[in-house]
PDB file of N, CA and C in Angstrom:
ATOM      1  N   MET A   1      -5.012  -0.548  19.915  1.00  0.00           N
ATOM      2  CA  MET A   1      -5.692  -0.377  21.163  1.00  0.00           C
ATOM      3  C   MET A   1      -5.090   0.810  21.893  1.00  0.00           C
ATOM      4  N   LEU A   2      -5.945   1.564  22.547  1.00  0.00           N
ATOM      5  CA  LEU A   2      -5.509   2.791  23.190  1.00  0.00           C
ATOM      6  C   LEU A   2      -5.000   2.580  24.611  1.00  0.00           C
ATOM      7  N   GLY A   3      -5.159   1.453  25.184  1.00  0.00           N
ATOM      8  CA  GLY A   3      -4.748   1.212  26.554  1.00  0.00           C
ATOM      9  C   GLY A   3      -5.919   1.396  27.515  1.00  0.00           C
ATOM     10  N   ASN A   4      -5.625   1.329  28.766  1.00  0.00           N
ATOM     11  CA  ASN A   4      -6.653   1.448  29.794  1.00  0.00           C
ATOM     12  C   ASN A   4      -7.083   2.912  29.917  1.00  0.00           C
ATOM     13  N   PRO A   5      -8.361   3.240  29.724  1.00  0.00           N
ATOM     14  CA  PRO A   5      -8.806   4.625  29.808  1.00  0.00           C
ATOM     15  C   PRO A   5      -8.755   5.175  31.233  1.00  0.00           C
ATOM     16  N   LEU A   6      -8.629   4.351  32.253  1.00  0.00           N
ATOM     17  CA  LEU A   6      -8.581   4.818  33.639  1.00  0.00           C
ATOM     18  C   LEU A   6      -7.172   5.197  34.090  1.00  0.00           C
ATOM     19  N   THR A   7      -6.150   4.890  33.300  1.00  0.00           N
ATOM     20  CA  THR A   7      -4.765   5.179  33.688  1.00  0.00           C
ATOM     21  C   THR A   7      -4.531   6.659  33.980  1.00  0.00           C
ATOM     22  N   PRO A   8      -4.968   7.609  33.126  1.00  0.00           N
ATOM     23  CA  PRO A   8      -4.748   9.020  33.464  1.00  0.00           C
ATOM     24  C   PRO A   8      -5.468   9.432  34.743  1.00  0.00           C
ATOM     25  N   ILE A   9      -6.640   8.867  34.998  1.00  0.00           N
ATOM     26  CA  ILE A   9      -7.380   9.210  36.217  1.00  0.00           C
ATOM     27  C   ILE A   9      -6.642   8.688  37.439  1.00  0.00           C
ATOM     28  N   ARG A  10      -6.149   7.448  37.357  1.00  0.00           N
ATOM     29  CA  ARG A  10      -5.379   6.889  38.476  1.00  0.00           C
ATOM     30  C   ARG A  10      -4.123   7.699  38.720  1.00  0.00           C
ATOM     31  N   SER A  11      -3.465   8.110  37.662  1.00  0.00           N
ATOM     32  CA  SER A  11      -2.250   8.909  37.791  1.00  0.00           C
ATOM     33  C   SER A  11      -2.564  10.249  38.457  1.00  0.00           C
ATOM     34  N   SER A  12      -3.628  10.900  38.027  1.00  0.00           N
ATOM     35  CA  SER A  12      -4.029  12.177  38.628  1.00  0.00           C
ATOM     36  C   SER A  12      -4.409  11.985  40.087  1.00  0.00           C
ATOM     37  N   PHE A  13      -5.136  10.901  40.359  1.00  0.00           N
ATOM     38  CA  PHE A  13      -5.550  10.624  41.726  1.00  0.00           C
ATOM     39  C   PHE A  13      -4.344  10.359  42.619  1.00  0.00           C
ATOM     40  N   SER A  14      -3.359   9.623  42.123  1.00  0.00           N
ATOM     41  CA  SER A  14      -2.179   9.321  42.936  1.00  0.00           C
ATOM     42  C   SER A  14      -1.383  10.593  43.216  1.00  0.00           C
ATOM     43  N   LYS A  15      -1.303  11.513  42.248  1.00  0.00           N
ATOM     44  CA  LYS A  15      -0.614  12.788  42.491  1.00  0.00           C
ATOM     45  C   LYS A  15      -1.378  13.615  43.522  1.00  0.00           C
ATOM     46  N   LEU A  16      -2.701  13.646  43.381  1.00  0.00           N
ATOM     47  CA  LEU A  16      -3.524  14.374  44.341  1.00  0.00           C
ATOM     48  C   LEU A  16      -3.355  13.782  45.737  1.00  0.00           C
ATOM     49  N   LEU A  17      -3.372  12.475  45.826  1.00  0.00           N
ATOM     50  CA  LEU A  17      -3.184  11.798  47.103  1.00  0.00           C
ATOM     51  C   LEU A  17      -1.813  12.120  47.689  1.00  0.00           C
ATOM     52  N   GLU A  18      -0.799  12.170  46.851  1.00  0.00           N
ATOM     53  CA  GLU A  18       0.549  12.514  47.298  1.00  0.00           C
ATOM     54  C   GLU A  18       0.568  13.924  47.893  1.00  0.00           C
ATOM     55  N   TYR A  19      -0.053  14.883  47.208  1.00  0.00           N
ATOM     56  CA  TYR A  19      -0.103  16.261  47.713  1.00  0.00           C
ATOM     57  C   TYR A  19      -0.875  16.347  49.028  1.00  0.00           C
ATOM     58  N   VAL A  20      -1.977  15.627  49.105  1.00  0.00           N
ATOM     59  CA  VAL A  20      -2.776  15.630  50.335  1.00  0.00           C
ATOM     60  C   VAL A  20      -1.963  15.065  51.492  1.00  0.00           C
ATOM     61  N   LEU A  21      -1.239  13.984  51.248  1.00  0.00           N
ATOM     62  CA  LEU A  21      -0.408  13.395  52.306  1.00  0.00           C
ATOM     63  C   LEU A  21       0.700  14.341  52.744  1.00  0.00           C
ATOM     64  N   ILE A  22       1.302  15.046  51.800  1.00  0.00           N
ATOM     65  CA  ILE A  22       2.343  16.025  52.142  1.00  0.00           C
ATOM     66  C   ILE A  22       1.746  17.143  52.989  1.00  0.00           C
ATOM     67  N   LEU A  23       0.600  17.672  52.564  1.00  0.00           N
ATOM     68  CA  LEU A  23      -0.057  18.738  53.329  1.00  0.00           C
ATOM     69  C   LEU A  23      -0.462  18.259  54.717  1.00  0.00           C
ATOM     70  N   LEU A  24      -0.966  17.049  54.798  1.00  0.00           N
ATOM     71  CA  LEU A  24      -1.345  16.484  56.084  1.00  0.00           C
ATOM     72  C   LEU A  24      -0.128  16.336  56.992  1.00  0.00           C
ATOM     73  N   SER A  25       0.997  15.910  56.436  1.00  0.00           N
ATOM     74  CA  SER A  25       2.233  15.779  57.218  1.00  0.00           C
ATOM     75  C   SER A  25       2.664  17.126  57.779  1.00  0.00           C
ATOM     76  N   PHE A  26       2.674  18.156  56.924  1.00  0.00           N
ATOM     77  CA  PHE A  26       3.028  19.496  57.394  1.00  0.00           C
ATOM     78  C   PHE A  26       2.053  19.977  58.461  1.00  0.00           C
ATOM     79  N   SER A  27       0.788  19.714  58.248  1.00  0.00           N
ATOM     80  CA  SER A  27      -0.230  20.124  59.207  1.00  0.00           C
ATOM     81  C   SER A  27       0.008  19.482  60.568  1.00  0.00           C
ATOM     82  N   LEU A  28       0.318  18.201  60.574  1.00  0.00           N
ATOM     83  CA  LEU A  28       0.581  17.503  61.835  1.00  0.00           C
ATOM     84  C   LEU A  28       1.823  18.037  62.525  1.00  0.00           C
ATOM     85  N   VAL A  29       2.870  18.300  61.756  1.00  0.00           N
ATOM     86  CA  VAL A  29       4.106  18.837  62.337  1.00  0.00           C
ATOM     87  C   VAL A  29       3.843  20.199  62.963  1.00  0.00           C
ATOM     88  N   PHE A  30       3.173  21.087  62.225  1.00  0.00           N
ATOM     89  CA  PHE A  30       2.947  22.433  62.735  1.00  0.00           C
ATOM     90  C   PHE A  30       1.909  22.461  63.844  1.00  0.00           C
ATOM     91  N   SER A  31       0.935  21.569  63.813  1.00  0.00           N
ATOM     92  CA  SER A  31      -0.033  21.546  64.908  1.00  0.00           C
ATOM     93  C   SER A  31       0.648  21.086  66.185  1.00  0.00           C
ATOM     94  N   HIS A  32       1.604  20.165  66.072  1.00  0.00           N
ATOM     95  CA  HIS A  32       2.371  19.739  67.244  1.00  0.00           C
ATOM     96  C   HIS A  32       3.197  20.907  67.774  1.00  0.00           C
ATOM     97  N   ALA A  33       3.829  21.653  66.882  1.00  0.00           N
ATOM     98  CA  ALA A  33       4.608  22.826  67.297  1.00  0.00           C
ATOM     99  C   ALA A  33       3.695  23.862  67.936  1.00  0.00           C
ATOM    100  N   ASN A  34       2.518  24.073  67.359  1.00  0.00           N
ATOM    101  CA  ASN A  34       1.574  25.024  67.934  1.00  0.00           C
ATOM    102  C   ASN A  34       1.092  24.562  69.299  1.00  0.00           C
ATOM    103  N   ALA A  35       0.900  23.268  69.480  1.00  0.00           N
ATOM    104  CA  ALA A  35       0.482  22.745  70.776  1.00  0.00           C
ATOM    105  C   ALA A  35       1.551  23.013  71.826  1.00  0.00           C
ATOM    106  N   GLU A  36       2.819  22.817  71.461  1.00  0.00           N
ATOM    107  CA  GLU A  36       3.906  23.109  72.397  1.00  0.00           C
ATOM    108  C   GLU A  36       3.957  24.592  72.716  1.00  0.00           C
ATOM    109  N   LEU A  37       3.759  25.435  71.710  1.00  0.00           N
ATOM    110  CA  LEU A  37       3.749  26.879  71.931  1.00  0.00           C
ATOM    111  C   LEU A  37       2.576  27.261  72.824  1.00  0.00           C
ATOM    112  N   ARG A  38       1.393  26.709  72.555  1.00  0.00           N
ATOM    113  CA  ARG A  38       0.227  27.004  73.394  1.00  0.00           C
ATOM    114  C   ARG A  38       0.481  26.556  74.824  1.00  0.00           C
ATOM    115  N   GLU A  39       1.090  25.384  74.990  1.00  0.00           N
ATOM    116  CA  GLU A  39       1.360  24.888  76.334  1.00  0.00           C
ATOM    117  C   GLU A  39       2.336  25.797  77.062  1.00  0.00           C
ATOM    118  N   SER A  40       3.375  26.270  76.377  1.00  0.00           N
ATOM    119  CA  SER A  40       4.334  27.155  77.036  1.00  0.00           C
ATOM    120  C   SER A  40       3.685  28.487  77.375  1.00  0.00           C
ATOM    121  N   LEU A  41       2.825  29.010  76.492  1.00  0.00           N
ATOM    122  CA  LEU A  41       2.110  30.246  76.804  1.00  0.00           C
ATOM    123  C   LEU A  41       1.141  30.017  77.949  1.00  0.00           C
ATOM    124  N   PHE A  42       0.496  28.853  77.970  1.00  0.00           N
ATOM    125  CA  PHE A  42      -0.428  28.533  79.050  1.00  0.00           C
ATOM    126  C   PHE A  42       0.310  28.521  80.380  1.00  0.00           C
ATOM    127  N   ASN A  43       1.477  27.886  80.417  1.00  0.00           N
ATOM    128  CA  ASN A  43       2.259  27.842  81.650  1.00  0.00           C
ATOM    129  C   ASN A  43       2.697  29.226  82.086  1.00  0.00           C
ATOM    130  N   MET A  44       3.004  30.116  81.141  1.00  0.00           N
ATOM    131  CA  MET A  44       3.401  31.481  81.469  1.00  0.00           C
ATOM    132  C   MET A  44       2.212  32.320  81.918  1.00  0.00           C
ATOM    133  N   SER A  45       1.002  31.949  81.547  1.00  0.00           N
ATOM    134  CA  SER A  45      -0.187  32.740  81.847  1.00  0.00           C
ATOM    135  C   SER A  45      -0.770  32.430  83.217  1.00  0.00           C
ATOM    136  N   ILE A  46      -0.284  31.399  83.863  1.00  0.00           N
ATOM    137  CA  ILE A  46      -0.758  31.052  85.199  1.00  0.00           C
ATOM    138  C   ILE A  46       0.267  31.547  86.208  1.00  0.00           C
ATOM    139  N   VAL A  47      -0.211  32.345  87.169  1.00  0.00           N
ATOM    140  CA  VAL A  47       0.677  32.921  88.171  1.00  0.00           C
ATOM    141  C   VAL A  47       0.268  32.420  89.551  1.00  0.00           C
ATOM    142  N   THR A  48       1.192  32.507  90.482  1.00  0.00           N
ATOM    143  CA  THR A  48       0.919  32.156  91.870  1.00  0.00           C
ATOM    144  C   THR A  48       0.713  33.441  92.648  1.00  0.00           C
ATOM    145  N   LEU A  49      -0.286  33.455  93.500  1.00  0.00           N
ATOM    146  CA  LEU A  49      -0.479  34.645  94.316  1.00  0.00           C
ATOM    147  C   LEU A  49      -0.426  34.272  95.781  1.00  0.00           C
ATOM    148  N   SER A  50       0.007  35.234  96.566  1.00  0.00           N
ATOM    149  CA  SER A  50       0.108  35.053  98.010  1.00  0.00           C
ATOM    150  C   SER A  50      -0.589  36.219  98.678  1.00  0.00           C
ATOM    151  N   SER A  51      -1.388  35.916  99.692  1.00  0.00           N
ATOM    152  CA  SER A  51      -2.078  36.940 100.461  1.00  0.00           C
ATOM    153  C   SER A  51      -1.397  37.033 101.823  1.00  0.00           C
ATOM    154  N   TYR A  52      -0.930  38.221 102.159  1.00  0.00           N
ATOM    155  CA  TYR A  52      -0.163  38.436 103.386  1.00  0.00           C
ATOM    156  C   TYR A  52      -0.956  39.263 104.389  1.00  0.00           C
ATOM    157  N   GLU A  53      -0.702  38.987 105.663  1.00  0.00           N
ATOM    158  CA  GLU A  53      -1.084  39.889 106.741  1.00  0.00           C
ATOM    159  C   GLU A  53       0.225  40.220 107.434  1.00  0.00           C
ATOM    160  N   GLY A  54       0.707  41.421 107.193  1.00  0.00           N
ATOM    161  CA  GLY A  54       2.057  41.767 107.616  1.00  0.00           C
ATOM    162  C   GLY A  54       3.045  40.962 106.791  1.00  0.00           C
ATOM    163  N   LYS A  55       3.912  40.198 107.484  1.00  0.00           N
ATOM    164  CA  LYS A  55       4.873  39.351 106.763  1.00  0.00           C
ATOM    165  C   LYS A  55       4.450  37.883 106.731  1.00  0.00           C
ATOM    166  N   THR A  56       3.285  37.592 107.296  1.00  0.00           N
ATOM    167  CA  THR A  56       2.796  36.224 107.360  1.00  0.00           C
ATOM    168  C   THR A  56       1.910  35.916 106.153  1.00  0.00           C
ATOM    169  N   ILE A  57       2.197  34.801 105.498  1.00  0.00           N
ATOM    170  CA  ILE A  57       1.362  34.375 104.376  1.00  0.00           C
ATOM    171  C   ILE A  57       0.101  33.720 104.936  1.00  0.00           C
ATOM    172  N   LEU A  58      -1.051  34.282 104.581  1.00  0.00           N
ATOM    173  CA  LEU A  58      -2.326  33.712 105.012  1.00  0.00           C
ATOM    174  C   LEU A  58      -2.818  32.644 104.051  1.00  0.00           C
ATOM    175  N   ARG A  59      -2.730  32.951 102.771  1.00  0.00           N
ATOM    176  CA  ARG A  59      -3.234  32.037 101.748  1.00  0.00           C
ATOM    177  C   ARG A  59      -2.358  32.101 100.512  1.00  0.00           C
ATOM    178  N   ARG A  60      -2.346  30.991  99.801  1.00  0.00           N
ATOM    179  CA  ARG A  60      -1.700  30.937  98.482  1.00  0.00           C
ATOM    180  C   ARG A  60      -2.709  30.387  97.498  1.00  0.00           C
ATOM    181  N   GLY A  61      -2.577  30.836  96.268  1.00  0.00           N
ATOM    182  CA  GLY A  61      -3.483  30.355  95.237  1.00  0.00           C
ATOM    183  C   GLY A  61      -2.892  30.610  93.870  1.00  0.00           C
ATOM    184  N   SER A  62      -3.720  30.476  92.875  1.00  0.00           N
ATOM    185  CA  SER A  62      -3.265  30.713  91.510  1.00  0.00           C
ATOM    186  C   SER A  62      -4.218  31.680  90.834  1.00  0.00           C
ATOM    187  N   GLY A  63      -3.732  32.256  89.755  1.00  0.00           N
ATOM    188  CA  GLY A  63      -4.534  33.168  88.965  1.00  0.00           C
ATOM    189  C   GLY A  63      -4.147  33.040  87.508  1.00  0.00           C
ATOM    190  N   ILE A  64      -4.960  33.639  86.665  1.00  0.00           N
ATOM    191  CA  ILE A  64      -4.735  33.578  85.223  1.00  0.00           C
ATOM    192  C   ILE A  64      -4.595  34.993  84.691  1.00  0.00           C
ATOM    193  N   VAL A  65      -3.526  35.235  83.943  1.00  0.00           N
ATOM    194  CA  VAL A  65      -3.333  36.532  83.299  1.00  0.00           C
ATOM    195  C   VAL A  65      -4.354  36.630  82.165  1.00  0.00           C
ATOM    196  N   VAL A  66      -5.215  37.659  82.226  1.00  0.00           N
ATOM    197  CA  VAL A  66      -6.241  37.808  81.193  1.00  0.00           C
ATOM    198  C   VAL A  66      -5.959  38.977  80.257  1.00  0.00           C
ATOM    199  N   GLN A  67      -5.119  39.905  80.700  1.00  0.00           N
ATOM    200  CA  GLN A  67      -4.720  41.008  79.830  1.00  0.00           C
ATOM    201  C   GLN A  67      -3.380  41.510  80.337  1.00  0.00           C
ATOM    202  N   SER A  68      -2.510  41.889  79.404  1.00  0.00           N
ATOM    203  CA  SER A  68      -1.191  42.346  79.808  1.00  0.00           C
ATOM    204  C   SER A  68      -0.579  43.196  78.710  1.00  0.00           C
ATOM    205  N   ASP A  69       0.173  44.201  79.144  1.00  0.00           N
ATOM    206  CA  ASP A  69       0.991  44.975  78.214  1.00  0.00           C
ATOM    207  C   ASP A  69       2.315  45.246  78.918  1.00  0.00           C
ATOM    208  N   ARG A  70       3.093  46.187  78.430  1.00  0.00           N
ATOM    209  CA  ARG A  70       4.404  46.436  79.033  1.00  0.00           C
ATOM    210  C   ARG A  70       4.304  46.982  80.448  1.00  0.00           C
ATOM    211  N   PHE A  71       3.188  47.622  80.780  1.00  0.00           N
ATOM    212  CA  PHE A  71       3.108  48.346  82.044  1.00  0.00           C
ATOM    213  C   PHE A  71       2.183  47.715  83.082  1.00  0.00           C
ATOM    214  N   ASN A  72       1.108  47.108  82.649  1.00  0.00           N
ATOM    215  CA  ASN A  72       0.110  46.572  83.573  1.00  0.00           C
ATOM    216  C   ASN A  72      -0.356  45.204  83.120  1.00  0.00           C
ATOM    217  N   GLY A  73      -0.800  44.441  84.086  1.00  0.00           N
ATOM    218  CA  GLY A  73      -1.419  43.168  83.778  1.00  0.00           C
ATOM    219  C   GLY A  73      -2.633  42.984  84.662  1.00  0.00           C
ATOM    220  N   TYR A  74      -3.579  42.212  84.185  1.00  0.00           N
ATOM    221  CA  TYR A  74      -4.778  41.911  84.959  1.00  0.00           C
ATOM    222  C   TYR A  74      -4.857  40.407  85.150  1.00  0.00           C
ATOM    223  N   VAL A  75      -5.156  40.021  86.381  1.00  0.00           N
ATOM    224  CA  VAL A  75      -5.187  38.614  86.762  1.00  0.00           C
ATOM    225  C   VAL A  75      -6.555  38.304  87.361  1.00  0.00           C
ATOM    226  N   VAL A  76      -7.156  37.214  86.909  1.00  0.00           N
ATOM    227  CA  VAL A  76      -8.405  36.722  87.489  1.00  0.00           C
ATOM    228  C   VAL A  76      -8.055  35.600  88.452  1.00  0.00           C
ATOM    229  N   THR A  77      -8.684  35.633  89.626  1.00  0.00           N
ATOM    230  CA  THR A  77      -8.424  34.608  90.631  1.00  0.00           C
ATOM    231  C   THR A  77      -9.678  34.393  91.467  1.00  0.00           C
ATOM    232  N   ASN A  78      -9.574  33.537  92.457  1.00  0.00           N
ATOM    233  CA  ASN A  78     -10.681  33.304  93.382  1.00  0.00           C
ATOM    234  C   ASN A  78     -10.635  34.332  94.496  1.00  0.00           C
ATOM    235  N   SER A  79     -11.780  34.853  94.843  1.00  0.00           N
ATOM    236  CA  SER A  79     -11.887  35.838  95.913  1.00  0.00           C
ATOM    237  C   SER A  79     -11.433  35.257  97.251  1.00  0.00           C
ATOM    238  N   SER A  80     -11.674  33.976  97.460  1.00  0.00           N
ATOM    239  CA  SER A  80     -11.326  33.338  98.733  1.00  0.00           C
ATOM    240  C   SER A  80      -9.826  33.376  99.017  1.00  0.00           C
ATOM    241  N   TYR A  81      -8.995  33.496  97.982  1.00  0.00           N
ATOM    242  CA  TYR A  81      -7.554  33.592  98.203  1.00  0.00           C
ATOM    243  C   TYR A  81      -7.167  34.915  98.848  1.00  0.00           C
ATOM    244  N   LEU A  82      -8.037  35.915  98.767  1.00  0.00           N
ATOM    245  CA  LEU A  82      -7.712  37.246  99.263  1.00  0.00           C
ATOM    246  C   LEU A  82      -8.228  37.494 100.667  1.00  0.00           C
ATOM    247  N   ASP A  83      -9.071  36.615 101.202  1.00  0.00           N
ATOM    248  CA  ASP A  83      -9.713  36.831 102.500  1.00  0.00           C
ATOM    249  C   ASP A  83      -8.711  37.132 103.602  1.00  0.00           C
ATOM    250  N   GLY A  84      -8.917  38.260 104.279  1.00  0.00           N
ATOM    251  CA  GLY A  84      -8.141  38.596 105.457  1.00  0.00           C
ATOM    252  C   GLY A  84      -6.764  39.165 105.213  1.00  0.00           C
ATOM    253  N   GLY A  85      -6.305  39.191 104.006  1.00  0.00           N
ATOM    254  CA  GLY A  85      -4.967  39.709 103.738  1.00  0.00           C
ATOM    255  C   GLY A  85      -4.961  41.214 103.536  1.00  0.00           C
ATOM    256  N   ASP A  86      -3.846  41.840 103.889  1.00  0.00           N
ATOM    257  CA  ASP A  86      -3.731  43.278 103.629  1.00  0.00           C
ATOM    258  C   ASP A  86      -2.876  43.564 102.399  1.00  0.00           C
ATOM    259  N   THR A  87      -2.110  42.576 101.940  1.00  0.00           N
ATOM    260  CA  THR A  87      -1.290  42.721 100.738  1.00  0.00           C
ATOM    261  C   THR A  87      -1.372  41.424  99.936  1.00  0.00           C
ATOM    262  N   THR A  88      -1.457  41.573  98.628  1.00  0.00           N
ATOM    263  CA  THR A  88      -1.447  40.407  97.741  1.00  0.00           C
ATOM    264  C   THR A  88      -0.317  40.575  96.749  1.00  0.00           C
ATOM    265  N   THR A  89       0.472  39.526  96.564  1.00  0.00           N
ATOM    266  CA  THR A  89       1.562  39.575  95.592  1.00  0.00           C
ATOM    267  C   THR A  89       1.360  38.489  94.543  1.00  0.00           C
ATOM    268  N   ILE A  90       1.926  38.751  93.373  1.00  0.00           N
ATOM    269  CA  ILE A  90       1.895  37.812  92.261  1.00  0.00           C
ATOM    270  C   ILE A  90       3.323  37.342  92.015  1.00  0.00           C
ATOM    271  N   SER A  91       3.521  36.032  91.971  1.00  0.00           N
ATOM    272  CA  SER A  91       4.833  35.471  91.633  1.00  0.00           C
ATOM    273  C   SER A  91       4.846  35.129  90.156  1.00  0.00           C
ATOM    274  N   ILE A  92       5.876  35.578  89.472  1.00  0.00           N
ATOM    275  CA  ILE A  92       6.011  35.354  88.040  1.00  0.00           C
ATOM    276  C   ILE A  92       6.631  33.978  87.810  1.00  0.00           C
ATOM    277  N   PRO A  93       6.078  33.191  86.870  1.00  0.00           N
ATOM    278  CA  PRO A  93       6.635  31.865  86.591  1.00  0.00           C
ATOM    279  C   PRO A  93       8.105  31.933  86.171  1.00  0.00           C
ATOM    280  N   ASN A  94       8.875  30.945  86.603  1.00  0.00           N
ATOM    281  CA  ASN A  94      10.300  30.831  86.261  1.00  0.00           C
ATOM    282  C   ASN A  94      11.093  32.054  86.685  1.00  0.00           C
ATOM    283  N   SER A  95      10.673  32.685  87.764  1.00  0.00           N
ATOM    284  CA  SER A  95      11.357  33.875  88.252  1.00  0.00           C
ATOM    285  C   SER A  95      11.164  33.932  89.762  1.00  0.00           C
ATOM    286  N   ARG A  96      12.013  34.674  90.419  1.00  0.00           N
ATOM    287  CA  ARG A  96      11.858  34.869  91.858  1.00  0.00           C
ATOM    288  C   ARG A  96      11.154  36.181  92.155  1.00  0.00           C
ATOM    289  N   ALA A  97      10.784  36.907  91.105  1.00  0.00           N
ATOM    290  CA  ALA A  97      10.166  38.215  91.280  1.00  0.00           C
ATOM    291  C   ALA A  97       8.743  38.091  91.819  1.00  0.00           C
ATOM    292  N   GLU A  98       8.406  39.010  92.717  1.00  0.00           N
ATOM    293  CA  GLU A  98       7.044  39.136  93.225  1.00  0.00           C
ATOM    294  C   GLU A  98       6.594  40.568  92.993  1.00  0.00           C
ATOM    295  N   LEU A  99       5.398  40.721  92.469  1.00  0.00           N
ATOM    296  CA  LEU A  99       4.839  42.041  92.210  1.00  0.00           C
ATOM    297  C   LEU A  99       3.600  42.227  93.068  1.00  0.00           C
ATOM    298  N   VAL A 100       3.431  43.434  93.591  1.00  0.00           N
ATOM    299  CA  VAL A 100       2.261  43.731  94.415  1.00  0.00           C
ATOM    300  C   VAL A 100       1.048  43.904  93.508  1.00  0.00           C
ATOM    301  N   ALA A 101      -0.046  43.289  93.899  1.00  0.00           N
ATOM    302  CA  ALA A 101      -1.290  43.358  93.123  1.00  0.00           C
ATOM    303  C   ALA A 101      -2.302  44.229  93.861  1.00  0.00           C
ATOM    304  N   ARG A 102      -3.068  44.978  93.084  1.00  0.00           N
ATOM    305  CA  ARG A 102      -4.139  45.802  93.648  1.00  0.00           C
ATOM    306  C   ARG A 102      -5.478  45.181  93.247  1.00  0.00           C
ATOM    307  N   VAL A 103      -6.367  45.040  94.217  1.00  0.00           N
ATOM    308  CA  VAL A 103      -7.677  44.452  93.941  1.00  0.00           C
ATOM    309  C   VAL A 103      -8.533  45.489  93.220  1.00  0.00           C
ATOM    310  N   MET A 104      -8.934  45.148  91.993  1.00  0.00           N
ATOM    311  CA  MET A 104      -9.793  46.038  91.212  1.00  0.00           C
ATOM    312  C   MET A 104     -11.268  45.700  91.432  1.00  0.00           C
ATOM    313  N   ARG A 105     -11.557  44.425  91.580  1.00  0.00           N
ATOM    314  CA  ARG A 105     -12.936  43.970  91.778  1.00  0.00           C
ATOM    315  C   ARG A 105     -12.899  42.700  92.608  1.00  0.00           C
ATOM    316  N   ASP A 106     -13.736  42.658  93.628  1.00  0.00           N
ATOM    317  CA  ASP A 106     -13.821  41.478  94.477  1.00  0.00           C
ATOM    318  C   ASP A 106     -15.294  41.117  94.645  1.00  0.00           C
ATOM    319  N   GLU A 107     -15.657  39.942  94.214  1.00  0.00           N
ATOM    320  CA  GLU A 107     -17.040  39.456  94.305  1.00  0.00           C
ATOM    321  C   GLU A 107     -17.051  38.152  95.107  1.00  0.00           C
ATOM    322  N   PRO A 108     -17.054  38.250  96.452  1.00  0.00           N
ATOM    323  CA  PRO A 108     -17.014  37.034  97.271  1.00  0.00           C
ATOM    324  C   PRO A 108     -18.178  36.075  97.019  1.00  0.00           C
ATOM    325  N   SER A 109     -19.355  36.608  96.673  1.00  0.00           N
ATOM    326  CA  SER A 109     -20.505  35.719  96.444  1.00  0.00           C
ATOM    327  C   SER A 109     -20.298  34.819  95.223  1.00  0.00           C
ATOM    328  N   PHE A 110     -19.446  35.262  94.285  1.00  0.00           N
ATOM    329  CA  PHE A 110     -19.120  34.450  93.105  1.00  0.00           C
ATOM    330  C   PHE A 110     -17.713  33.849  93.193  1.00  0.00           C
ATOM    331  N   ASP A 111     -17.006  34.137  94.306  1.00  0.00           N
ATOM    332  CA  ASP A 111     -15.616  33.706  94.492  1.00  0.00           C
ATOM    333  C   ASP A 111     -14.753  34.146  93.308  1.00  0.00           C
ATOM    334  N   PHE A 112     -14.886  35.417  92.944  1.00  0.00           N
ATOM    335  CA  PHE A 112     -14.203  35.992  91.783  1.00  0.00           C
ATOM    336  C   PHE A 112     -13.491  37.267  92.211  1.00  0.00           C
ATOM    337  N   ALA A 113     -12.271  37.446  91.738  1.00  0.00           N
ATOM    338  CA  ALA A 113     -11.541  38.687  91.986  1.00  0.00           C
ATOM    339  C   ALA A 113     -10.720  39.040  90.756  1.00  0.00           C
ATOM    340  N   LEU A 114     -10.622  40.336  90.500  1.00  0.00           N
ATOM    341  CA  LEU A 114      -9.799  40.855  89.411  1.00  0.00           C
ATOM    342  C   LEU A 114      -8.711  41.712  90.031  1.00  0.00           C
ATOM    343  N   LEU A 115      -7.469  41.391  89.724  1.00  0.00           N
ATOM    344  CA  LEU A 115      -6.318  42.104  90.275  1.00  0.00           C
ATOM    345  C   LEU A 115      -5.598  42.858  89.174  1.00  0.00           C
ATOM    346  N   LYS A 116      -5.057  44.027  89.523  1.00  0.00           N
ATOM    347  CA  LYS A 116      -4.212  44.788  88.600  1.00  0.00           C
ATOM    348  C   LYS A 116      -2.795  44.730  89.147  1.00  0.00           C
ATOM    349  N   VAL A 117      -1.859  44.422  88.258  1.00  0.00           N
ATOM    350  CA  VAL A 117      -0.464  44.275  88.672  1.00  0.00           C
ATOM    351  C   VAL A 117       0.396  45.164  87.785  1.00  0.00           C
ATOM    352  N   ASN A 118       1.014  46.176  88.379  1.00  0.00           N
ATOM    353  CA  ASN A 118       1.920  47.033  87.615  1.00  0.00           C
ATOM    354  C   ASN A 118       3.202  46.274  87.306  1.00  0.00           C
ATOM    355  N   GLY A 119       3.647  46.374  86.063  1.00  0.00           N
ATOM    356  CA  GLY A 119       4.891  45.733  85.653  1.00  0.00           C
ATOM    357  C   GLY A 119       4.746  44.293  85.216  1.00  0.00           C
ATOM    358  N   LEU A 120       3.523  43.779  85.201  1.00  0.00           N
ATOM    359  CA  LEU A 120       3.309  42.391  84.782  1.00  0.00           C
ATOM    360  C   LEU A 120       3.263  42.336  83.266  1.00  0.00           C
ATOM    361  N   ASN A 121       4.279  41.744  82.675  1.00  0.00           N
ATOM    362  CA  ASN A 121       4.370  41.670  81.215  1.00  0.00           C
ATOM    363  C   ASN A 121       4.433  40.205  80.799  1.00  0.00           C
ATOM    364  N   LEU A 122       3.309  39.516  80.952  1.00  0.00           N
ATOM    365  CA  LEU A 122       3.217  38.104  80.589  1.00  0.00           C
ATOM    366  C   LEU A 122       2.120  37.932  79.554  1.00  0.00           C
ATOM    367  N   PRO A 123       2.198  36.874  78.748  1.00  0.00           N
ATOM    368  CA  PRO A 123       1.149  36.669  77.743  1.00  0.00           C
ATOM    369  C   PRO A 123      -0.169  36.293  78.407  1.00  0.00           C
ATOM    370  N   PRO A 124      -1.275  36.919  77.972  1.00  0.00           N
ATOM    371  CA  PRO A 124      -2.573  36.518  78.516  1.00  0.00           C
ATOM    372  C   PRO A 124      -2.991  35.167  77.962  1.00  0.00           C
ATOM    373  N   LEU A 125      -3.839  34.508  78.703  1.00  0.00           N
ATOM    374  CA  LEU A 125      -4.323  33.194  78.284  1.00  0.00           C
ATOM    375  C   LEU A 125      -5.288  33.313  77.136  1.00  0.00           C
TER     376      LEU A 125
END
């Protein structure tokens, strides 16, 4: 008698299943690491902005870094955060630094503003 003809198939299937489980384990580990990396980049991509009239803070809000290199960064925010201010600054996360922002585009009807910040070197969202 030759034995059970399904034995080689079961053996192949169990090896395949073993490889799939190993790959799935690695995938879960690295996806968790990627999620942590994405979360840290997300936290770095959100900045706080302050709108000043003289030395008085009129409004505070948040913005999102949408493009950045070594020299300039662009931040999208709500137009309403800029109302009435003569100067807008961007606070960098985990730092005490404040950078002056220049309004590139302000669309109050859509509550949208695009700011340019010299020296902003943060990862875009």
